[in-house]
PDB file of N, CA and C in Angstrom:
ATOM      1  N   MET A   1      -7.911 -38.823  24.358  1.00  0.00           N
ATOM      2  CA  MET A   1      -8.324 -39.705  25.448  1.00  0.00           C
ATOM      3  C   MET A   1      -7.348 -40.878  25.525  1.00  0.00           C
ATOM      4  N   PRO A   2      -6.196 -40.624  26.098  1.00  0.00           N
ATOM      5  CA  PRO A   2      -5.159 -41.694  26.127  1.00  0.00           C
ATOM      6  C   PRO A   2      -5.642 -42.897  26.962  1.00  0.00           C
ATOM      7  N   GLN A   3      -5.243 -44.059  26.487  1.00  0.00           N
ATOM      8  CA  GLN A   3      -5.629 -45.317  27.134  1.00  0.00           C
ATOM      9  C   GLN A   3      -4.451 -46.033  27.789  1.00  0.00           C
ATOM     10  N   TRP A   4      -3.350 -46.161  27.062  1.00  0.00           N
ATOM     11  CA  TRP A   4      -2.223 -46.934  27.579  1.00  0.00           C
ATOM     12  C   TRP A   4      -0.938 -46.605  26.839  1.00  0.00           C
ATOM     13  N   THR A   5       0.125 -47.126  27.308  1.00  0.00           N
ATOM     14  CA  THR A   5       1.517 -46.983  26.826  1.00  0.00           C
ATOM     15  C   THR A   5       1.866 -45.544  26.449  1.00  0.00           C
ATOM     16  N   ASP A   6       2.283 -45.328  25.219  1.00  0.00           N
ATOM     17  CA  ASP A   6       2.774 -44.007  24.822  1.00  0.00           C
ATOM     18  C   ASP A   6       1.683 -42.970  24.629  1.00  0.00           C
ATOM     19  N   GLN A   7       0.429 -43.355  24.627  1.00  0.00           N
ATOM     20  CA  GLN A   7      -0.660 -42.401  24.380  1.00  0.00           C
ATOM     21  C   GLN A   7      -0.741 -41.361  25.512  1.00  0.00           C
ATOM     22  N   ILE A   8      -0.402 -41.775  26.722  1.00  0.00           N
ATOM     23  CA  ILE A   8      -0.462 -40.841  27.866  1.00  0.00           C
ATOM     24  C   ILE A   8       0.620 -39.795  27.715  1.00  0.00           C
ATOM     25  N   THR A   9       1.823 -40.217  27.319  1.00  0.00           N
ATOM     26  CA  THR A   9       2.911 -39.268  27.095  1.00  0.00           C
ATOM     27  C   THR A   9       2.596 -38.345  25.946  1.00  0.00           C
ATOM     28  N   ASN A  10       2.098 -38.900  24.848  1.00  0.00           N
ATOM     29  CA  ASN A  10       1.738 -38.076  23.674  1.00  0.00           C
ATOM     30  C   ASN A  10       0.660 -37.077  24.033  1.00  0.00           C
ATOM     31  N   ALA A  11      -0.319 -37.454  24.813  1.00  0.00           N
ATOM     32  CA  ALA A  11      -1.406 -36.533  25.223  1.00  0.00           C
ATOM     33  C   ALA A  11      -0.820 -35.394  26.050  1.00  0.00           C
ATOM     34  N   LYS A  12       0.095 -35.712  26.927  1.00  0.00           N
ATOM     35  CA  LYS A  12       0.702 -34.659  27.774  1.00  0.00           C
ATOM     36  C   LYS A  12       1.488 -33.686  26.892  1.00  0.00           C
ATOM     37  N   LEU A  13       2.244 -34.210  25.955  1.00  0.00           N
ATOM     38  CA  LEU A  13       3.009 -33.320  25.063  1.00  0.00           C
ATOM     39  C   LEU A  13       2.079 -32.427  24.232  1.00  0.00           C
ATOM     40  N   LEU A  14       1.052 -33.011  23.656  1.00  0.00           N
ATOM     41  CA  LEU A  14       0.127 -32.220  22.821  1.00  0.00           C
ATOM     42  C   LEU A  14      -0.597 -31.150  23.618  1.00  0.00           C
ATOM     43  N   ASP A  15      -0.982 -31.473  24.853  1.00  0.00           N
ATOM     44  CA  ASP A  15      -1.762 -30.563  25.680  1.00  0.00           C
ATOM     45  C   ASP A  15      -0.880 -29.593  26.457  1.00  0.00           C
ATOM     46  N   GLU A  16       0.076 -30.068  27.184  1.00  0.00           N
ATOM     47  CA  GLU A  16       0.804 -29.237  28.138  1.00  0.00           C
ATOM     48  C   GLU A  16       2.096 -28.624  27.637  1.00  0.00           C
ATOM     49  N   ILE A  17       2.756 -29.321  26.713  1.00  0.00           N
ATOM     50  CA  ILE A  17       4.074 -28.883  26.258  1.00  0.00           C
ATOM     51  C   ILE A  17       3.949 -28.082  24.952  1.00  0.00           C
ATOM     52  N   TRP A  18       3.370 -28.675  23.909  1.00  0.00           N
ATOM     53  CA  TRP A  18       3.270 -28.053  22.607  1.00  0.00           C
ATOM     54  C   TRP A  18       2.028 -27.203  22.492  1.00  0.00           C
ATOM     55  N   ASP A  19       1.021 -27.440  23.309  1.00  0.00           N
ATOM     56  CA  ASP A  19      -0.233 -26.685  23.323  1.00  0.00           C
ATOM     57  C   ASP A  19      -0.904 -26.630  21.945  1.00  0.00           C
ATOM     58  N   VAL A  20      -0.996 -27.850  21.355  1.00  0.00           N
ATOM     59  CA  VAL A  20      -1.684 -27.962  20.071  1.00  0.00           C
ATOM     60  C   VAL A  20      -2.934 -28.850  20.148  1.00  0.00           C
ATOM     61  N   GLY A  21      -3.340 -29.168  21.363  1.00  0.00           N
ATOM     62  CA  GLY A  21      -4.515 -29.994  21.555  1.00  0.00           C
ATOM     63  C   GLY A  21      -4.926 -29.957  23.020  1.00  0.00           C
ATOM     64  N   VAL A  22      -5.991 -30.703  23.325  1.00  0.00           N
ATOM     65  CA  VAL A  22      -6.447 -30.775  24.693  1.00  0.00           C
ATOM     66  C   VAL A  22      -6.567 -32.256  25.080  1.00  0.00           C
ATOM     67  N   ARG A  23      -6.432 -32.530  26.333  1.00  0.00           N
ATOM     68  CA  ARG A  23      -6.573 -33.887  26.822  1.00  0.00           C
ATOM     69  C   ARG A  23      -7.885 -33.981  27.582  1.00  0.00           C
ATOM     70  N   VAL A  24      -8.815 -34.732  27.038  1.00  0.00           N
ATOM     71  CA  VAL A  24     -10.088 -34.945  27.694  1.00  0.00           C
ATOM     72  C   VAL A  24      -9.905 -36.054  28.713  1.00  0.00           C
ATOM     73  N   LYS A  25     -10.158 -35.788  29.954  1.00  0.00           N
ATOM     74  CA  LYS A  25      -9.932 -36.755  30.991  1.00  0.00           C
ATOM     75  C   LYS A  25     -11.208 -37.548  31.293  1.00  0.00           C
ATOM     76  N   ALA A  26     -10.985 -38.786  31.666  1.00  0.00           N
ATOM     77  CA  ALA A  26     -12.085 -39.678  32.048  1.00  0.00           C
ATOM     78  C   ALA A  26     -12.569 -39.363  33.441  1.00  0.00           C
ATOM     79  N   ASN A  27     -13.791 -39.730  33.728  1.00  0.00           N
ATOM     80  CA  ASN A  27     -14.371 -39.555  35.064  1.00  0.00           C
ATOM     81  C   ASN A  27     -13.821 -40.601  36.027  1.00  0.00           C
ATOM     82  N   GLU A  28     -14.328 -40.654  37.230  1.00  0.00           N
ATOM     83  CA  GLU A  28     -13.824 -41.601  38.255  1.00  0.00           C
ATOM     84  C   GLU A  28     -14.038 -43.048  37.875  1.00  0.00           C
ATOM     85  N   LYS A  29     -14.954 -43.311  36.934  1.00  0.00           N
ATOM     86  CA  LYS A  29     -15.171 -44.666  36.487  1.00  0.00           C
ATOM     87  C   LYS A  29     -14.319 -45.023  35.227  1.00  0.00           C
ATOM     88  N   GLY A  30     -13.481 -44.085  34.813  1.00  0.00           N
ATOM     89  CA  GLY A  30     -12.640 -44.298  33.651  1.00  0.00           C
ATOM     90  C   GLY A  30     -13.329 -44.084  32.326  1.00  0.00           C
ATOM     91  N   ILE A  31     -14.452 -43.342  32.364  1.00  0.00           N
ATOM     92  CA  ILE A  31     -15.243 -43.124  31.161  1.00  0.00           C
ATOM     93  C   ILE A  31     -15.229 -41.662  30.795  1.00  0.00           C
ATOM     94  N   VAL A  32     -15.032 -41.392  29.520  1.00  0.00           N
ATOM     95  CA  VAL A  32     -15.168 -40.016  29.007  1.00  0.00           C
ATOM     96  C   VAL A  32     -16.619 -39.863  28.587  1.00  0.00           C
ATOM     97  N   THR A  33     -17.304 -38.956  29.256  1.00  0.00           N
ATOM     98  CA  THR A  33     -18.722 -38.797  28.954  1.00  0.00           C
ATOM     99  C   THR A  33     -18.926 -37.914  27.729  1.00  0.00           C
ATOM    100  N   ARG A  34     -20.059 -38.056  27.117  1.00  0.00           N
ATOM    101  CA  ARG A  34     -20.411 -37.248  25.965  1.00  0.00           C
ATOM    102  C   ARG A  34     -20.392 -35.768  26.341  1.00  0.00           C
ATOM    103  N   GLU A  35     -20.905 -35.433  27.490  1.00  0.00           N
ATOM    104  CA  GLU A  35     -20.959 -34.055  27.926  1.00  0.00           C
ATOM    105  C   GLU A  35     -19.571 -33.454  28.077  1.00  0.00           C
ATOM    106  N   ASN A  36     -18.650 -34.233  28.649  1.00  0.00           N
ATOM    107  CA  ASN A  36     -17.273 -33.752  28.840  1.00  0.00           C
ATOM    108  C   ASN A  36     -16.617 -33.558  27.496  1.00  0.00           C
ATOM    109  N   LEU A  37     -16.805 -34.481  26.593  1.00  0.00           N
ATOM    110  CA  LEU A  37     -16.233 -34.392  25.274  1.00  0.00           C
ATOM    111  C   LEU A  37     -16.779 -33.198  24.485  1.00  0.00           C
ATOM    112  N   VAL A  38     -18.080 -32.998  24.546  1.00  0.00           N
ATOM    113  CA  VAL A  38     -18.700 -31.850  23.864  1.00  0.00           C
ATOM    114  C   VAL A  38     -18.168 -30.539  24.493  1.00  0.00           C
ATOM    115  N   SER A  39     -18.024 -30.526  25.792  1.00  0.00           N
ATOM    116  CA  SER A  39     -17.538 -29.324  26.472  1.00  0.00           C
ATOM    117  C   SER A  39     -16.135 -28.934  25.943  1.00  0.00           C
ATOM    118  N   TRP A  40     -15.226 -29.914  25.829  1.00  0.00           N
ATOM    119  CA  TRP A  40     -13.901 -29.641  25.334  1.00  0.00           C
ATOM    120  C   TRP A  40     -13.874 -29.267  23.894  1.00  0.00           C
ATOM    121  N   ILE A  41     -14.750 -29.887  23.081  1.00  0.00           N
ATOM    122  CA  ILE A  41     -14.829 -29.537  21.685  1.00  0.00           C
ATOM    123  C   ILE A  41     -15.262 -28.073  21.544  1.00  0.00           C
ATOM    124  N   MET A  42     -16.226 -27.649  22.327  1.00  0.00           N
ATOM    125  CA  MET A  42     -16.679 -26.282  22.270  1.00  0.00           C
ATOM    126  C   MET A  42     -15.586 -25.297  22.692  1.00  0.00           C
ATOM    127  N   LYS A  43     -14.842 -25.689  23.727  1.00  0.00           N
ATOM    128  CA  LYS A  43     -13.746 -24.824  24.179  1.00  0.00           C
ATOM    129  C   LYS A  43     -12.701 -24.636  23.086  1.00  0.00           C
ATOM    130  N   ILE A  44     -12.356 -25.709  22.425  1.00  0.00           N
ATOM    131  CA  ILE A  44     -11.305 -25.636  21.408  1.00  0.00           C
ATOM    132  C   ILE A  44     -11.834 -24.933  20.158  1.00  0.00           C
ATOM    133  N   MET A  45     -13.116 -24.989  19.915  1.00  0.00           N
ATOM    134  CA  MET A  45     -13.704 -24.343  18.746  1.00  0.00           C
ATOM    135  C   MET A  45     -14.001 -22.863  18.979  1.00  0.00           C
ATOM    136  N   GLU A  46     -14.377 -22.497  20.181  1.00  0.00           N
ATOM    137  CA  GLU A  46     -14.922 -21.164  20.426  1.00  0.00           C
ATOM    138  C   GLU A  46     -14.150 -20.271  21.403  1.00  0.00           C
ATOM    139  N   ASP A  47     -13.412 -20.863  22.315  1.00  0.00           N
ATOM    140  CA  ASP A  47     -12.770 -20.087  23.357  1.00  0.00           C
ATOM    141  C   ASP A  47     -11.345 -19.660  22.945  1.00  0.00           C
ATOM    142  N   GLU A  48     -10.710 -18.869  23.786  1.00  0.00           N
ATOM    143  CA  GLU A  48      -9.333 -18.433  23.560  1.00  0.00           C
ATOM    144  C   GLU A  48      -8.385 -19.617  23.433  1.00  0.00           C
ATOM    145  N   ARG A  49      -8.659 -20.710  24.127  1.00  0.00           N
ATOM    146  CA  ARG A  49      -7.802 -21.882  24.079  1.00  0.00           C
ATOM    147  C   ARG A  49      -7.694 -22.377  22.622  1.00  0.00           C
ATOM    148  N   GLY A  50      -8.761 -22.315  21.890  1.00  0.00           N
ATOM    149  CA  GLY A  50      -8.735 -22.724  20.504  1.00  0.00           C
ATOM    150  C   GLY A  50      -7.870 -21.849  19.628  1.00  0.00           C
ATOM    151  N   VAL A  51      -7.913 -20.547  19.928  1.00  0.00           N
ATOM    152  CA  VAL A  51      -7.072 -19.595  19.163  1.00  0.00           C
ATOM    153  C   VAL A  51      -5.605 -19.898  19.378  1.00  0.00           C
ATOM    154  N   VAL A  52      -5.225 -20.116  20.624  1.00  0.00           N
ATOM    155  CA  VAL A  52      -3.829 -20.434  20.950  1.00  0.00           C
ATOM    156  C   VAL A  52      -3.452 -21.765  20.309  1.00  0.00           C
ATOM    157  N   THR A  53      -4.322 -22.739  20.414  1.00  0.00           N
ATOM    158  CA  THR A  53      -4.038 -24.070  19.838  1.00  0.00           C
ATOM    159  C   THR A  53      -3.827 -24.002  18.324  1.00  0.00           C
ATOM    160  N   ARG A  54      -4.689 -23.281  17.615  1.00  0.00           N
ATOM    161  CA  ARG A  54      -4.546 -23.165  16.178  1.00  0.00           C
ATOM    162  C   ARG A  54      -3.259 -22.401  15.806  1.00  0.00           C
ATOM    163  N   LYS A  55      -2.931 -21.381  16.573  1.00  0.00           N
ATOM    164  CA  LYS A  55      -1.699 -20.611  16.308  1.00  0.00           C
ATOM    165  C   LYS A  55      -0.480 -21.518  16.483  1.00  0.00           C
ATOM    166  N   ASN A  56      -0.471 -22.276  17.579  1.00  0.00           N
ATOM    167  CA  ASN A  56       0.658 -23.181  17.815  1.00  0.00           C
ATOM    168  C   ASN A  56       0.732 -24.292  16.774  1.00  0.00           C
ATOM    169  N   ALA A  57      -0.395 -24.823  16.364  1.00  0.00           N
ATOM    170  CA  ALA A  57      -0.413 -25.901  15.330  1.00  0.00           C
ATOM    171  C   ALA A  57       0.168 -25.344  14.044  1.00  0.00           C
ATOM    172  N   ALA A  58      -0.175 -24.113  13.665  1.00  0.00           N
ATOM    173  CA  ALA A  58       0.369 -23.508  12.463  1.00  0.00           C
ATOM    174  C   ALA A  58       1.853 -23.327  12.559  1.00  0.00           C
ATOM    175  N   LYS A  59       2.344 -22.947  13.746  1.00  0.00           N
ATOM    176  CA  LYS A  59       3.775 -22.768  13.971  1.00  0.00           C
ATOM    177  C   LYS A  59       4.511 -24.090  13.781  1.00  0.00           C
ATOM    178  N   TRP A  60       4.002 -25.152  14.410  1.00  0.00           N
ATOM    179  CA  TRP A  60       4.634 -26.491  14.279  1.00  0.00           C
ATOM    180  C   TRP A  60       4.552 -27.003  12.872  1.00  0.00           C
ATOM    181  N   ARG A  61       3.451 -26.720  12.135  1.00  0.00           N
ATOM    182  CA  ARG A  61       3.338 -27.122  10.753  1.00  0.00           C
ATOM    183  C   ARG A  61       4.453 -26.500   9.905  1.00  0.00           C
ATOM    184  N   GLU A  62       4.674 -25.216  10.107  1.00  0.00           N
ATOM    185  CA  GLU A  62       5.734 -24.524   9.347  1.00  0.00           C
ATOM    186  C   GLU A  62       7.104 -25.067   9.699  1.00  0.00           C
ATOM    187  N   LEU A  63       7.341 -25.363  10.990  1.00  0.00           N
ATOM    188  CA  LEU A  63       8.614 -25.946  11.385  1.00  0.00           C
ATOM    189  C   LEU A  63       8.856 -27.308  10.750  1.00  0.00           C
ATOM    190  N   ALA A  64       7.786 -28.117  10.687  1.00  0.00           N
ATOM    191  CA  ALA A  64       7.874 -29.448  10.086  1.00  0.00           C
ATOM    192  C   ALA A  64       8.133 -29.316   8.601  1.00  0.00           C
ATOM    193  N   LYS A  65       7.461 -28.412   7.942  1.00  0.00           N
ATOM    194  CA  LYS A  65       7.654 -28.202   6.500  1.00  0.00           C
ATOM    195  C   LYS A  65       9.100 -27.780   6.220  1.00  0.00           C
ATOM    196  N   ALA A  66       9.644 -26.903   7.038  1.00  0.00           N
ATOM    197  CA  ALA A  66      11.005 -26.419   6.850  1.00  0.00           C
ATOM    198  C   ALA A  66      11.994 -27.575   7.060  1.00  0.00           C
ATOM    199  N   ALA A  67      11.703 -28.451   7.968  1.00  0.00           N
ATOM    200  CA  ALA A  67      12.610 -29.580   8.242  1.00  0.00           C
ATOM    201  C   ALA A  67      12.698 -30.548   7.080  1.00  0.00           C
ATOM    202  N   VAL A  68      11.607 -30.758   6.345  1.00  0.00           N
ATOM    203  CA  VAL A  68      11.610 -31.733   5.238  1.00  0.00           C
ATOM    204  C   VAL A  68      11.898 -31.072   3.903  1.00  0.00           C
ATOM    205  N   ASP A  69      11.877 -29.745   3.807  1.00  0.00           N
ATOM    206  CA  ASP A  69      12.264 -29.058   2.579  1.00  0.00           C
ATOM    207  C   ASP A  69      13.718 -29.285   2.255  1.00  0.00           C
ATOM    208  N   GLU A  70      14.079 -29.060   1.021  1.00  0.00           N
ATOM    209  CA  GLU A  70      15.480 -29.221   0.628  1.00  0.00           C
ATOM    210  C   GLU A  70      16.362 -28.321   1.501  1.00  0.00           C
ATOM    211  N   GLY A  71      17.388 -28.906   2.106  1.00  0.00           N
ATOM    212  CA  GLY A  71      18.287 -28.196   2.968  1.00  0.00           C
ATOM    213  C   GLY A  71      17.839 -28.172   4.443  1.00  0.00           C
ATOM    214  N   GLY A  72      16.613 -28.693   4.716  1.00  0.00           N
ATOM    215  CA  GLY A  72      16.122 -28.734   6.091  1.00  0.00           C
ATOM    216  C   GLY A  72      16.803 -29.852   6.877  1.00  0.00           C
ATOM    217  N   SER A  73      16.594 -29.900   8.166  1.00  0.00           N
ATOM    218  CA  SER A  73      17.265 -30.852   9.024  1.00  0.00           C
ATOM    219  C   SER A  73      16.947 -32.296   8.639  1.00  0.00           C
ATOM    220  N   SER A  74      15.701 -32.584   8.371  1.00  0.00           N
ATOM    221  CA  SER A  74      15.337 -33.979   7.964  1.00  0.00           C
ATOM    222  C   SER A  74      15.921 -34.334   6.617  1.00  0.00           C
ATOM    223  N   ASP A  75      15.916 -33.382   5.715  1.00  0.00           N
ATOM    224  CA  ASP A  75      16.515 -33.581   4.376  1.00  0.00           C
ATOM    225  C   ASP A  75      17.992 -33.912   4.509  1.00  0.00           C
ATOM    226  N   LYS A  76      18.690 -33.153   5.326  1.00  0.00           N
ATOM    227  CA  LYS A  76      20.133 -33.396   5.568  1.00  0.00           C
ATOM    228  C   LYS A  76      20.360 -34.724   6.220  1.00  0.00           C
ATOM    229  N   ASP A  77      19.528 -35.078   7.208  1.00  0.00           N
ATOM    230  CA  ASP A  77      19.703 -36.376   7.883  1.00  0.00           C
ATOM    231  C   ASP A  77      19.506 -37.540   6.941  1.00  0.00           C
ATOM    232  N   ILE A  78      18.544 -37.451   6.059  1.00  0.00           N
ATOM    233  CA  ILE A  78      18.314 -38.510   5.086  1.00  0.00           C
ATOM    234  C   ILE A  78      19.512 -38.640   4.160  1.00  0.00           C
ATOM    235  N   ASP A  79      20.003 -37.537   3.669  1.00  0.00           N
ATOM    236  CA  ASP A  79      21.179 -37.540   2.809  1.00  0.00           C
ATOM    237  C   ASP A  79      22.383 -38.191   3.514  1.00  0.00           C
ATOM    238  N   GLU A  80      22.581 -37.848   4.767  1.00  0.00           N
ATOM    239  CA  GLU A  80      23.693 -38.402   5.521  1.00  0.00           C
ATOM    240  C   GLU A  80      23.506 -39.885   5.741  1.00  0.00           C
ATOM    241  N   PHE A  81      22.265 -40.321   6.020  1.00  0.00           N
ATOM    242  CA  PHE A  81      21.967 -41.711   6.218  1.00  0.00           C
ATOM    243  C   PHE A  81      22.285 -42.523   4.937  1.00  0.00           C
ATOM    244  N   VAL A  82      21.788 -42.031   3.822  1.00  0.00           N
ATOM    245  CA  VAL A  82      22.028 -42.721   2.544  1.00  0.00           C
ATOM    246  C   VAL A  82      23.529 -42.740   2.239  1.00  0.00           C
ATOM    247  N   SER A  83      24.210 -41.684   2.507  1.00  0.00           N
ATOM    248  CA  SER A  83      25.654 -41.640   2.273  1.00  0.00           C
ATOM    249  C   SER A  83      26.386 -42.715   3.112  1.00  0.00           C
ATOM    250  N   GLU A  84      25.981 -42.867   4.365  1.00  0.00           N
ATOM    251  CA  GLU A  84      26.540 -43.881   5.232  1.00  0.00           C
ATOM    252  C   GLU A  84      26.261 -45.278   4.723  1.00  0.00           C
ATOM    253  N   LEU A  85      25.064 -45.484   4.144  1.00  0.00           N
ATOM    254  CA  LEU A  85      24.723 -46.802   3.588  1.00  0.00           C
ATOM    255  C   LEU A  85      25.642 -47.186   2.452  1.00  0.00           C
ATOM    256  N   PHE A  86      25.959 -46.188   1.615  1.00  0.00           N
ATOM    257  CA  PHE A  86      26.822 -46.431   0.469  1.00  0.00           C
ATOM    258  C   PHE A  86      28.275 -46.760   0.908  1.00  0.00           C
ATOM    259  N   LYS A  87      28.670 -46.229   2.065  1.00  0.00           N
ATOM    260  CA  LYS A  87      29.994 -46.494   2.578  1.00  0.00           C
ATOM    261  C   LYS A  87      30.134 -47.918   3.095  1.00  0.00           C
ATOM    262  N   ALA A  88      29.017 -48.480   3.555  1.00  0.00           N
ATOM    263  CA  ALA A  88      29.046 -49.806   4.199  1.00  0.00           C
ATOM    264  C   ALA A  88      29.239 -50.953   3.219  1.00  0.00           C
TER     265      ALA A  88
END
């Protein structure tokens, strides 16, 4: 339920781009009702949307783990950063 600044962008990425979550939208008064929230929780827990979301979350988890493991992209970037600090 994004409110301001980067939360709106993050919600769009999670929901529409990475498909690892859902964005619960507020009503015309700007309020997220209990019923709307419960409805989305049920969809993510019981419907096909939840299956897809969990599958995508697992995929991103594995990609993140690979990035921080020894030899991964984040591991290499940290090594390069530290190396540059020693040169300075």
